Amino acid sequence: MKVLISFRPERKSTPFEATRLRKNIKGALELSGVSYVENLAASPDIVHILSPFELDLAQECVEEGVPYLVSALYSEEDEDGSFLSGEEKGSVDLTPKAKKLLANAKAVLVPSRFAFYTLRGLGVQNPIEVVPPGVNLARFESLNAIEYASFARYFRFSVDSKFVLCIGRSLDENVFEGLKRLSNFAPNIRFFFIDVDYQKHEKRIKKIQKSLPKNVIVTPLLDDDLYRSALMGATAFLIFGSPATYNELTTYEVFASKTPLVVVGGNMEDELVNRKTAYFADGLENAAEYLVTLSPNLSSSFIIDAYKKSEEGSLKKVGEKLLHIYQSVLSKEEI
């Protein structure tokens, strides 16, 4: 079997989630003995599309009789990977391109049950399967001293200092304001906010940075090695709000790195983020108190149960599930 896995960014944005998703899918297929190709000219048996901006490819598939399936709602922070619109107005819908793409898809893959019900609620009638985004557990097994310290050295602070990570958009005022207030409760902890829109709003963000507490640092997306070093060395990773606001791909990586996940300001749980796998803080002050108590050698039930979740989303298991789905589509059986 040959599979074409396609994600071709078109906008002048920095893809973060979708490129990692594509890499994970490739790794998962390699472990399952499935070969992948780069274009339709290589005669793939099936095509796996990751972006609603691939309508031209989808149309070619229809014309040439090559079945395609779509991974949706894995990369909503990426402009080139987002299937939804209207979130900021409280009226979520599929983008016009997403609707056209899904119309002829033989199956749609989603990262969670929440995403499953979101698509069903928006009228998507295609077969939908929940498939974890995958995580390369080996990447987070260990780092040598130089790799482990690279994030701290890049930002010029002691390797032994506590720091916390959060990913999002500084334009999301609720998250950003919460982070600033939290930093005041824990002045001895550095809070790194990785802004997925940094390049688009660099001038504005640099101006904002001047008004922030010294222990809050806004940074653009990190390269792969720095990102891994940051996850492995972080005291905790923060989610503001309900699990509906988090990215599954990043969460699996947090769990694989054995970094505690702290949810602030939300009570809704799901199969991935819940009170077995994360600490749900009762307000900002409680979150700060918890962060202060954390130690580098922490071993808790949160870490153990969270790591078990990451094992469920390993590349090997994702590869096995993808292979089953591809075979079902090709044989026209029910998935």
Protein backbone atom coordinates (compact mmCIF):
# COMPACT_ATOMS: atom_id res chain seq x y z
CA MET A 1 0.00 0.00 0.00
CA LYS A 2 1.17 3.51 -0.87
CA VAL A 3 -0.23 6.58 0.87
CA LEU A 4 0.09 10.23 -0.08
CA ILE A 5 0.14 12.37 3.09
CA SER A 6 -0.44 15.95 2.02
CA PHE A 7 0.03 19.23 3.83
CA ARG A 8 1.17 22.11 1.63
CA PRO A 9 1.06 25.45 3.46
CA GLU A 10 -0.09 28.29 1.22
CA ARG A 11 -0.20 31.29 3.50
CA LYS A 12 2.67 33.30 4.92
CA SER A 13 2.20 31.78 8.36
CA THR A 14 4.36 29.44 10.40
CA PRO A 15 2.70 26.02 10.54
CA PHE A 16 3.20 24.51 13.96
CA GLU A 17 0.68 21.79 14.63
CA ALA A 18 0.02 20.50 11.10
CA THR A 19 3.69 19.97 10.27
CA ARG A 20 4.16 18.00 13.49
CA LEU A 21 1.02 16.01 12.72
CA ARG A 22 2.33 15.12 9.25
CA LYS A 23 5.65 14.04 10.74
CA ASN A 24 3.85 11.84 13.27
CA ILE A 25 1.68 10.21 10.61
CA LYS A 26 4.74 9.43 8.51
CA GLY A 27 6.50 7.91 11.52
CA ALA A 28 3.41 5.88 12.42
CA LEU A 29 3.11 4.49 8.89
CA GLU A 30 6.80 3.56 8.80
CA LEU A 31 6.33 1.47 11.93
CA SER A 32 3.38 -0.28 10.27
CA GLY A 33 5.31 -1.02 7.10
CA VAL A 34 3.28 1.38 4.95
CA SER A 35 5.14 3.45 2.37
CA TYR A 36 4.19 7.06 1.65
CA VAL A 37 4.69 9.15 -1.47
CA GLU A 38 4.85 12.87 -2.18
CA ASN A 39 2.43 13.37 -5.08
CA LEU A 40 -0.31 11.78 -7.18
CA ALA A 41 2.16 11.05 -9.96
CA ALA A 42 3.56 8.29 -7.72
CA SER A 43 0.20 6.46 -7.97
CA PRO A 44 -0.82 6.24 -4.30
CA ASP A 45 -3.59 3.83 -3.33
CA ILE A 46 -5.10 6.39 -0.97
CA VAL A 47 -4.57 10.06 -0.12
CA HIS A 48 -4.53 11.52 3.40
CA ILE A 49 -5.19 15.29 3.48
CA LEU A 50 -4.44 17.53 6.47
CA SER A 51 -5.56 20.98 5.30
CA PRO A 52 -8.78 22.47 3.86
CA PHE A 53 -6.58 24.42 1.45
CA GLU A 54 -5.97 21.21 -0.53
CA LEU A 55 -9.14 21.43 -2.62
CA ASP A 56 -7.18 21.15 -5.86
CA LEU A 57 -5.65 17.86 -4.72
CA ALA A 58 -9.06 16.58 -3.54
CA GLN A 59 -10.54 17.37 -6.93
CA GLU A 60 -7.70 15.53 -8.68
CA CYS A 61 -8.39 12.51 -6.45
CA VAL A 62 -12.06 12.53 -7.45
CA GLU A 63 -11.19 12.82 -11.15
CA GLU A 64 -8.63 10.02 -11.00
CA GLY A 65 -10.68 7.75 -8.76
CA VAL A 66 -8.23 7.80 -5.86
CA PRO A 67 -10.04 7.74 -2.47
CA TYR A 68 -9.04 10.35 0.05
CA LEU A 69 -9.62 10.85 3.74
CA VAL A 70 -9.14 13.93 5.88
CA SER A 71 -7.65 14.68 9.31
CA ALA A 72 -9.75 17.51 10.75
CA LEU A 73 -9.55 19.62 13.93
CA TYR A 74 -5.99 18.56 14.75
CA SER A 75 -4.41 21.91 13.83
CA GLU A 76 -6.84 24.69 14.65
CA GLU A 77 -4.07 27.05 15.78
CA ASP A 78 -2.53 26.90 12.27
CA GLU A 79 -4.08 29.15 9.66
CA ASP A 80 -3.32 26.58 6.99
CA GLY A 81 -4.68 23.70 9.02
CA SER A 82 -7.84 25.19 10.54
CA PHE A 83 -11.25 23.80 9.55
CA LEU A 84 -13.35 26.07 11.78
CA SER A 85 -14.35 29.72 11.72
CA GLY A 86 -16.31 32.01 13.99
CA GLU A 87 -14.89 30.80 17.32
CA GLU A 88 -14.14 34.36 18.39
CA LYS A 89 -17.80 35.28 17.78
CA GLY A 90 -19.17 32.25 19.57
CA SER A 91 -20.79 30.82 16.43
CA VAL A 92 -18.50 28.02 15.27
CA ASP A 93 -18.90 26.67 11.75
CA LEU A 94 -16.85 24.89 9.11
CA THR A 95 -15.06 27.16 6.68
CA PRO A 96 -16.36 27.06 3.07
CA LYS A 97 -13.18 25.28 1.96
CA ALA A 98 -13.53 22.71 4.75
CA LYS A 99 -17.11 21.93 3.71
CA LYS A 100 -16.06 21.38 0.10
CA LEU A 101 -13.10 19.21 1.13
CA LEU A 102 -15.16 16.99 3.44
CA ALA A 103 -17.93 16.54 0.87
CA ASN A 104 -16.11 13.74 -1.00
CA ALA A 105 -13.91 12.39 1.79
CA LYS A 106 -14.29 8.65 2.36
CA ALA A 107 -13.58 9.12 6.05
CA VAL A 108 -12.73 11.91 8.49
CA LEU A 109 -10.24 11.46 11.32
CA VAL A 110 -10.47 13.58 14.46
CA PRO A 111 -8.29 13.74 17.61
CA SER A 112 -11.00 13.37 20.27
CA ARG A 113 -14.63 12.59 21.09
CA PHE A 114 -15.17 16.32 21.56
CA ALA A 115 -14.02 16.89 17.96
CA PHE A 116 -16.25 14.00 16.82
CA TYR A 117 -19.35 15.61 18.31
CA THR A 118 -18.30 19.03 17.04
CA LEU A 119 -18.30 17.78 13.44
CA ARG A 120 -21.53 15.84 13.88
CA GLY A 121 -23.10 18.98 15.33
CA LEU A 122 -21.99 20.90 12.25
CA GLY A 123 -23.71 18.43 9.97
CA VAL A 124 -20.79 16.26 8.85
CA GLN A 125 -22.23 12.87 7.85
CA ASN A 126 -19.04 11.15 6.66
CA PRO A 127 -17.69 8.19 8.66
CA ILE A 128 -15.71 9.76 11.51
CA GLU A 129 -12.98 7.98 13.46
CA VAL A 130 -11.16 9.19 16.58
CA VAL A 131 -7.42 8.73 16.05
CA PRO A 132 -4.83 10.25 18.39
CA PRO A 133 -2.38 12.62 16.68
CA GLY A 134 0.45 10.34 17.72
CA VAL A 135 3.51 10.95 19.84
CA ASN A 136 7.05 9.72 19.36
CA LEU A 137 7.75 8.43 22.87
CA ALA A 138 11.43 7.88 22.10
CA ARG A 139 11.89 11.64 21.59
CA PHE A 140 11.06 12.22 25.24
CA GLU A 141 12.79 9.29 26.89
CA SER A 142 15.96 11.15 27.80
CA LEU A 143 18.17 14.10 26.94
CA ASN A 144 21.86 14.53 27.53
CA ALA A 145 22.96 17.40 29.77
CA ILE A 146 23.60 19.78 26.87
CA GLU A 147 20.22 19.07 25.23
CA TYR A 148 18.38 19.34 28.53
CA ALA A 149 19.95 22.73 29.28
CA SER A 150 19.56 24.22 25.80
CA PHE A 151 16.27 26.01 26.52
CA ALA A 152 17.55 27.56 29.75
CA ARG A 153 20.80 28.62 28.10
CA TYR A 154 18.98 30.11 25.11
CA PHE A 155 16.93 32.32 27.44
CA ARG A 156 19.86 32.87 29.81
CA PHE A 157 18.64 31.55 33.12
CA SER A 158 19.82 28.82 35.48
CA VAL A 159 18.98 25.23 34.51
CA ASP A 160 17.80 24.69 38.10
CA SER A 161 15.26 27.54 37.95
CA LYS A 162 11.57 26.80 37.75
CA PHE A 163 9.72 27.72 34.57
CA VAL A 164 6.25 27.06 33.19
CA LEU A 165 5.06 26.81 29.59
CA CYS A 166 1.85 27.89 27.92
CA ILE A 167 0.99 27.95 24.21
CA GLY A 168 -1.62 30.15 22.58
CA ARG A 169 -2.26 33.59 21.15
CA SER A 170 -1.51 36.81 23.02
CA LEU A 171 -4.60 38.19 21.28
CA ASP A 172 -6.62 35.82 23.48
CA GLU A 173 -7.00 38.31 26.31
CA ASN A 174 -8.49 35.86 28.81
CA VAL A 175 -5.49 33.54 28.58
CA PHE A 176 -2.95 36.32 28.48
CA GLU A 177 -4.43 38.27 31.38
CA GLY A 178 -4.70 35.08 33.42
CA LEU A 179 -1.05 34.34 32.82
CA LYS A 180 0.00 37.83 33.92
CA ARG A 181 -2.04 37.61 37.11
CA LEU A 182 -0.73 34.11 37.85
CA SER A 183 2.86 35.34 37.51
CA ASN A 184 2.23 37.90 40.27
CA PHE A 185 1.26 35.07 42.66
CA ALA A 186 4.48 33.20 41.82
CA PRO A 187 7.17 35.86 41.21
CA ASN A 188 10.04 33.35 41.45
CA ILE A 189 8.78 31.23 38.56
CA ARG A 190 9.33 32.17 34.91
CA PHE A 191 6.27 31.90 32.68
CA PHE A 192 6.97 31.38 28.99
CA PHE A 193 4.09 32.11 26.66
CA ILE A 194 4.72 30.58 23.21
CA ASP A 195 2.71 32.74 20.84
CA VAL A 196 1.66 30.97 17.63
CA ASP A 197 0.89 34.37 16.06
CA TYR A 198 4.15 36.02 17.08
CA GLN A 199 5.40 36.67 13.55
CA LYS A 200 2.11 38.28 12.49
CA HIS A 201 2.01 40.65 15.45
CA GLU A 202 5.67 40.99 16.39
CA LYS A 203 5.69 44.77 16.82
CA ARG A 204 2.57 44.72 18.97
CA ILE A 205 3.85 41.82 21.08
CA LYS A 206 7.21 43.48 21.70
CA LYS A 207 5.35 46.54 22.93
CA ILE A 208 3.21 44.35 25.21
CA GLN A 209 6.32 42.61 26.56
CA LYS A 210 7.61 45.92 27.97
CA SER A 211 4.52 46.21 30.18
CA LEU A 212 4.64 42.65 31.49
CA PRO A 213 6.07 41.42 34.80
CA LYS A 214 9.70 40.43 34.35
CA ASN A 215 8.90 36.79 34.91
CA VAL A 216 6.53 36.60 31.91
CA ILE A 217 8.30 36.06 28.59
CA VAL A 218 6.50 35.96 25.26
CA THR A 219 8.36 33.96 22.63
CA PRO A 220 7.70 32.89 19.04
CA LEU A 221 7.43 29.25 18.09
CA LEU A 222 10.50 27.26 19.07
CA ASP A 223 12.54 25.01 16.82
CA ASP A 224 12.21 21.31 17.45
CA ASP A 225 15.21 20.83 19.74
CA LEU A 226 14.44 23.89 21.88
CA TYR A 227 10.79 22.87 22.13
CA ARG A 228 11.72 19.39 23.35
CA SER A 229 14.20 20.84 25.85
CA ALA A 230 11.51 23.23 27.09
CA LEU A 231 8.96 20.44 27.59
CA MET A 232 11.45 18.14 29.31
CA GLY A 233 12.70 20.84 31.68
CA ALA A 234 9.45 22.66 32.46
CA THR A 235 8.02 22.64 35.96
CA ALA A 236 4.54 22.43 34.43
CA PHE A 237 2.50 23.10 31.32
CA LEU A 238 -0.58 25.32 31.63
CA ILE A 239 -4.01 25.16 29.99
CA PHE A 240 -6.35 28.08 30.62
CA GLY A 241 -10.01 27.16 30.40
CA SER A 242 -11.69 23.87 29.58
CA PRO A 243 -10.05 20.94 27.77
CA ALA A 244 -12.05 22.06 24.73
CA THR A 245 -9.43 24.80 24.31
CA TYR A 246 -6.33 22.59 24.25
CA ASN A 247 -4.48 20.96 21.38
CA GLU A 248 -4.33 17.16 21.62
CA LEU A 249 -1.01 16.86 19.80
CA THR A 250 0.75 19.14 22.27
CA THR A 251 -0.97 17.47 25.22
CA TYR A 252 0.28 14.02 24.23
CA GLU A 253 3.81 15.46 24.03
CA VAL A 254 3.43 17.04 27.48
CA PHE A 255 2.34 13.68 28.87
CA ALA A 256 5.22 11.87 27.13
CA SER A 257 7.72 14.34 28.60
CA LYS A 258 6.32 13.58 32.10
CA THR A 259 5.67 17.25 32.71
CA PRO A 260 2.70 18.00 35.01
CA LEU A 261 -0.32 19.49 33.24
CA VAL A 262 -2.17 22.20 35.16
CA VAL A 263 -5.65 23.33 34.09
CA VAL A 264 -6.62 26.81 35.27
CA GLY A 265 -10.17 28.14 35.16
CA GLY A 266 -11.97 25.11 33.79
CA ASN A 267 -13.86 22.12 35.13
CA MET A 268 -14.91 20.23 32.01
CA GLU A 269 -13.03 16.96 31.64
CA ASP A 270 -12.64 14.54 28.74
CA GLU A 271 -10.93 11.22 28.01
CA LEU A 272 -7.50 12.84 27.69
CA VAL A 273 -7.44 15.74 30.14
CA ASN A 274 -9.14 14.89 33.41
CA ARG A 275 -8.44 14.72 37.15
CA LYS A 276 -6.39 11.56 36.71
CA THR A 277 -4.01 13.10 34.17
CA ALA A 278 -3.94 16.76 35.22
CA TYR A 279 -4.20 19.06 38.21
CA PHE A 280 -7.32 21.23 38.04
CA ALA A 281 -6.57 24.42 39.93
CA ASP A 282 -9.30 26.18 41.86
CA GLY A 283 -8.38 29.67 40.66
CA LEU A 284 -5.11 31.45 39.93
CA GLU A 285 -3.90 31.62 43.54
CA ASN A 286 -4.39 27.88 43.99
CA ALA A 287 -2.55 27.25 40.70
CA ALA A 288 0.37 29.35 41.91
CA GLU A 289 0.48 27.49 45.23
CA TYR A 290 0.58 24.17 43.40
CA LEU A 291 3.32 25.31 41.01
CA VAL A 292 5.47 26.45 43.93
CA THR A 293 5.23 23.01 45.55
CA LEU A 294 6.33 21.13 42.42
CA SER A 295 9.85 19.72 42.39
CA PRO A 296 11.99 18.48 39.45
CA ASN A 297 11.88 14.92 40.75
CA LEU A 298 8.12 14.91 41.17
CA SER A 299 6.50 11.49 40.93
CA SER A 300 2.73 11.62 41.24
CA SER A 301 -0.35 9.81 40.05
CA PHE A 302 -0.88 12.63 37.54
CA ILE A 303 2.44 11.87 35.86
CA ILE A 304 1.88 8.11 35.87
CA ASP A 305 -1.65 8.22 34.45
CA ALA A 306 -0.73 10.93 31.94
CA TYR A 307 2.19 8.88 30.64
CA LYS A 308 -0.10 5.88 30.21
CA LYS A 309 -2.27 8.11 28.01
CA SER A 310 0.74 9.03 25.91
CA GLU A 311 1.45 5.32 25.43
CA GLU A 312 -2.09 4.89 24.07
CA GLY A 313 -1.23 7.53 21.48
CA SER A 314 2.16 6.09 20.54
CA LEU A 315 3.19 6.11 16.88
CA LYS A 316 3.01 2.31 16.80
CA LYS A 317 -0.62 2.22 17.94
CA VAL A 318 -1.60 5.13 15.70
CA GLY A 319 0.05 3.39 12.74
CA GLU A 320 -1.93 0.23 13.39
CA LYS A 321 -5.18 2.20 13.53
CA LEU A 322 -4.39 4.17 10.37
CA LEU A 323 -3.56 0.97 8.49
CA HIS A 324 -6.91 -0.54 9.51
CA ILE A 325 -8.76 2.60 8.36
CA TYR A 326 -6.93 2.75 5.03
CA GLN A 327 -7.64 -0.93 4.37
CA SER A 328 -11.31 -0.47 5.26
CA VAL A 329 -11.64 2.50 2.89
CA LEU A 330 -9.92 0.64 0.06
CA SER A 331 -12.06 -2.46 0.56
CA LYS A 332 -15.17 -0.28 0.96
CA GLU A 333 -15.95 -1.92 4.28
CA GLU A 334 -17.38 -0.09 7.28
CA ILE A 335 -14.61 1.40 9.39
